[in-house]
Amino acid sequence: MSQPDRELIAQVMLFSQGFRHAEILASKIVPFFEMCQEQLSTQSHYDFGLRALKSVLLRAGISIREYLAIGTGNDNAETAGQRAQTELALMVRSLEETLVPKLLGNDVALIKR
């Protein structure tokens, strides 16, 4: 059975959510999930598959829309570098809100390093 292209799926989802730097974010988030699968402890409730990735990306989409709605994401006031940093910060916050609460304390310490 063939594996889905998680990076392409992540890119499409991020672009559809309003992210401009989806390629960069997808190239970081997918290896992060793979690393979590390989290096964190084995727990029956851990899920680092496509479903978990999707939930993180959907939460990030909510965050970017909230960010744009309050007007701080104005196209004219923000450079591309600032926007990329903002999008990365929103992605990290999304990971902290959706993935970290499911982890055990030892694994949280590994991720926070």
C-alpha atoms as a PDB file:
ATOM      1  CA  MET A   1       0.000   0.000   0.000  1.00  0.00           C
ATOM      2  CA  SER A   2       1.382   3.379  -0.930  1.00  0.00           C
ATOM      3  CA  GLN A   3       1.906   6.140   1.607  1.00  0.00           C
ATOM      4  CA  PRO A   4       0.233   9.529   1.128  1.00  0.00           C
ATOM      5  CA  ASP A   5       2.491  12.480   0.394  1.00  0.00           C
ATOM      6  CA  ARG A   6       2.101  14.211   3.739  1.00  0.00           C
ATOM      7  CA  GLU A   7       4.154  17.222   2.739  1.00  0.00           C
ATOM      8  CA  LEU A   8       1.986  17.900  -0.309  1.00  0.00           C
ATOM      9  CA  ILE A   9      -1.173  17.432   1.749  1.00  0.00           C
ATOM     10  CA  ALA A  10       0.171  19.836   4.379  1.00  0.00           C
ATOM     11  CA  GLN A  11       1.069  22.420   1.720  1.00  0.00           C
ATOM     12  CA  VAL A  12      -2.380  22.321   0.163  1.00  0.00           C
ATOM     13  CA  MET A  13      -4.090  22.559   3.532  1.00  0.00           C
ATOM     14  CA  LEU A  14      -1.906  25.465   4.631  1.00  0.00           C
ATOM     15  CA  PHE A  15      -2.434  27.364   1.380  1.00  0.00           C
ATOM     16  CA  SER A  16      -6.171  26.807   1.655  1.00  0.00           C
ATOM     17  CA  GLN A  17      -6.107  28.100   5.240  1.00  0.00           C
ATOM     18  CA  GLY A  18      -4.442  31.357   4.177  1.00  0.00           C
ATOM     19  CA  PHE A  19      -0.741  30.730   4.751  1.00  0.00           C
ATOM     20  CA  ARG A  20       1.628  32.267   2.215  1.00  0.00           C
ATOM     21  CA  HIS A  21       4.717  30.288   3.190  1.00  0.00           C
ATOM     22  CA  ALA A  22       3.086  26.866   3.105  1.00  0.00           C
ATOM     23  CA  GLU A  23       6.020  25.158   1.387  1.00  0.00           C
ATOM     24  CA  ILE A  24       8.427  26.163   4.137  1.00  0.00           C
ATOM     25  CA  LEU A  25       6.028  25.276   6.945  1.00  0.00           C
ATOM     26  CA  ALA A  26       5.089  21.925   5.414  1.00  0.00           C
ATOM     27  CA  SER A  27       8.754  21.046   4.955  1.00  0.00           C
ATOM     28  CA  LYS A  28       9.235  21.617   8.697  1.00  0.00           C
ATOM     29  CA  ILE A  29       6.054  20.206  10.212  1.00  0.00           C
ATOM     30  CA  VAL A  30       6.048  16.845   8.389  1.00  0.00           C
ATOM     31  CA  PRO A  31       9.596  15.879   9.470  1.00  0.00           C
ATOM     32  CA  PHE A  32       8.685  17.028  12.978  1.00  0.00           C
ATOM     33  CA  PHE A  33       5.806  14.537  13.065  1.00  0.00           C
ATOM     34  CA  GLU A  34       8.087  11.806  11.694  1.00  0.00           C
ATOM     35  CA  MET A  35      10.662  12.601  14.370  1.00  0.00           C
ATOM     36  CA  CYS A  36       7.986  12.433  17.065  1.00  0.00           C
ATOM     37  CA  GLN A  37       6.888   9.023  15.774  1.00  0.00           C
ATOM     38  CA  GLU A  38      10.452   7.724  15.888  1.00  0.00           C
ATOM     39  CA  GLN A  39      11.898   9.318  19.018  1.00  0.00           C
ATOM     40  CA  LEU A  40       9.124   9.767  21.567  1.00  0.00           C
ATOM     41  CA  SER A  41       8.078   6.969  23.866  1.00  0.00           C
ATOM     42  CA  THR A  42       5.638   4.372  22.624  1.00  0.00           C
ATOM     43  CA  GLN A  43       2.183   5.050  24.001  1.00  0.00           C
ATOM     44  CA  SER A  44      -1.091   3.606  22.773  1.00  0.00           C
ATOM     45  CA  HIS A  45      -2.760   7.033  22.703  1.00  0.00           C
ATOM     46  CA  TYR A  46      -0.014   8.718  20.650  1.00  0.00           C
ATOM     47  CA  ASP A  47      -0.991   9.544  17.097  1.00  0.00           C
ATOM     48  CA  PHE A  48       1.475  11.236  14.783  1.00  0.00           C
ATOM     49  CA  GLY A  49      -0.246  10.234  11.589  1.00  0.00           C
ATOM     50  CA  LEU A  50      -2.204  12.149   9.013  1.00  0.00           C
ATOM     51  CA  ARG A  51      -5.163  12.679  11.330  1.00  0.00           C
ATOM     52  CA  ALA A  52      -3.017  14.392  13.974  1.00  0.00           C
ATOM     53  CA  LEU A  53      -1.248  16.442  11.316  1.00  0.00           C
ATOM     54  CA  LYS A  54      -4.573  17.578   9.969  1.00  0.00           C
ATOM     55  CA  SER A  55      -5.797  18.681  13.392  1.00  0.00           C
ATOM     56  CA  VAL A  56      -2.644  20.765  13.918  1.00  0.00           C
ATOM     57  CA  LEU A  57      -3.022  22.352  10.478  1.00  0.00           C
ATOM     58  CA  LEU A  58      -6.697  23.132  11.032  1.00  0.00           C
ATOM     59  CA  ARG A  59      -5.882  24.794  14.352  1.00  0.00           C
ATOM     60  CA  ALA A  60      -3.154  26.787  12.631  1.00  0.00           C
ATOM     61  CA  GLY A  61      -5.722  27.874  10.033  1.00  0.00           C
ATOM     62  CA  ILE A  62      -8.011  29.168  12.752  1.00  0.00           C
ATOM     63  CA  SER A  63      -5.085  31.077  14.238  1.00  0.00           C
ATOM     64  CA  ILE A  64      -4.082  32.700  10.931  1.00  0.00           C
ATOM     65  CA  ARG A  65      -7.654  33.765  10.226  1.00  0.00           C
ATOM     66  CA  GLU A  66      -7.928  35.298  13.706  1.00  0.00           C
ATOM     67  CA  TYR A  67      -4.600  37.042  13.130  1.00  0.00           C
ATOM     68  CA  LEU A  68      -5.753  38.438   9.789  1.00  0.00           C
ATOM     69  CA  ALA A  69      -9.165  39.422  11.152  1.00  0.00           C
ATOM     70  CA  ILE A  70      -7.755  41.699  13.834  1.00  0.00           C
ATOM     71  CA  GLY A  71      -5.868  43.606  11.168  1.00  0.00           C
ATOM     72  CA  THR A  72      -2.319  42.909  12.285  1.00  0.00           C
ATOM     73  CA  GLY A  73      -1.808  40.832   9.173  1.00  0.00           C
ATOM     74  CA  ASN A  74      -2.242  43.804   6.877  1.00  0.00           C
ATOM     75  CA  ASP A  75      -0.593  43.125   3.518  1.00  0.00           C
ATOM     76  CA  ASN A  76       0.909  46.600   3.241  1.00  0.00           C
ATOM     77  CA  ALA A  77       2.356  46.845   6.738  1.00  0.00           C
ATOM     78  CA  GLU A  78       4.118  43.493   6.872  1.00  0.00           C
ATOM     79  CA  THR A  79       7.187  42.352   4.958  1.00  0.00           C
ATOM     80  CA  ALA A  80       7.532  38.824   3.641  1.00  0.00           C
ATOM     81  CA  GLY A  81      10.052  37.989   6.356  1.00  0.00           C
ATOM     82  CA  GLN A  82       7.777  39.258   9.093  1.00  0.00           C
ATOM     83  CA  ARG A  83       4.866  37.292   7.651  1.00  0.00           C
ATOM     84  CA  ALA A  84       6.985  34.117   7.512  1.00  0.00           C
ATOM     85  CA  GLN A  85       7.989  34.561  11.158  1.00  0.00           C
ATOM     86  CA  THR A  86       4.378  35.183  12.162  1.00  0.00           C
ATOM     87  CA  GLU A  87       3.189  32.086  10.311  1.00  0.00           C
ATOM     88  CA  LEU A  88       5.908  29.992  11.951  1.00  0.00           C
ATOM     89  CA  ALA A  89       4.930  31.320  15.392  1.00  0.00           C
ATOM     90  CA  LEU A  90       1.281  30.487  14.706  1.00  0.00           C
ATOM     91  CA  MET A  91       2.259  26.964  13.678  1.00  0.00           C
ATOM     92  CA  VAL A  92       4.282  26.469  16.868  1.00  0.00           C
ATOM     93  CA  ARG A  93       1.358  27.733  18.928  1.00  0.00           C
ATOM     94  CA  SER A  94      -0.937  25.329  17.112  1.00  0.00           C
ATOM     95  CA  LEU A  95       1.417  22.453  17.944  1.00  0.00           C
ATOM     96  CA  GLU A  96       1.481  23.516  21.582  1.00  0.00           C
ATOM     97  CA  GLU A  97      -2.308  23.664  21.743  1.00  0.00           C
ATOM     98  CA  THR A  98      -3.106  20.419  19.949  1.00  0.00           C
ATOM     99  CA  LEU A  99      -0.181  18.039  20.330  1.00  0.00           C
ATOM    100  CA  VAL A 100       1.561  18.843  23.621  1.00  0.00           C
ATOM    101  CA  PRO A 101      -1.458  18.234  25.915  1.00  0.00           C
ATOM    102  CA  LYS A 102      -1.587  14.621  24.720  1.00  0.00           C
ATOM    103  CA  LEU A 103       2.040  13.886  25.570  1.00  0.00           C
ATOM    104  CA  LEU A 104       3.563  12.496  28.745  1.00  0.00           C
ATOM    105  CA  GLY A 105       5.823  14.748  30.811  1.00  0.00           C
ATOM    106  CA  ASN A 106       9.055  13.102  29.681  1.00  0.00           C
ATOM    107  CA  ASP A 107       8.095  13.522  26.043  1.00  0.00           C
ATOM    108  CA  VAL A 108       7.088  17.152  26.540  1.00  0.00           C
ATOM    109  CA  ALA A 109      10.557  17.851  27.880  1.00  0.00           C
ATOM    110  CA  LEU A 110      12.069  16.310  24.733  1.00  0.00           C
ATOM    111  CA  ILE A 111       9.917  18.436  22.463  1.00  0.00           C
ATOM    112  CA  LYS A 112      10.565  21.667  24.323  1.00  0.00           C
ATOM    113  CA  ARG A 113      14.337  21.267  23.893  1.00  0.00           C
END
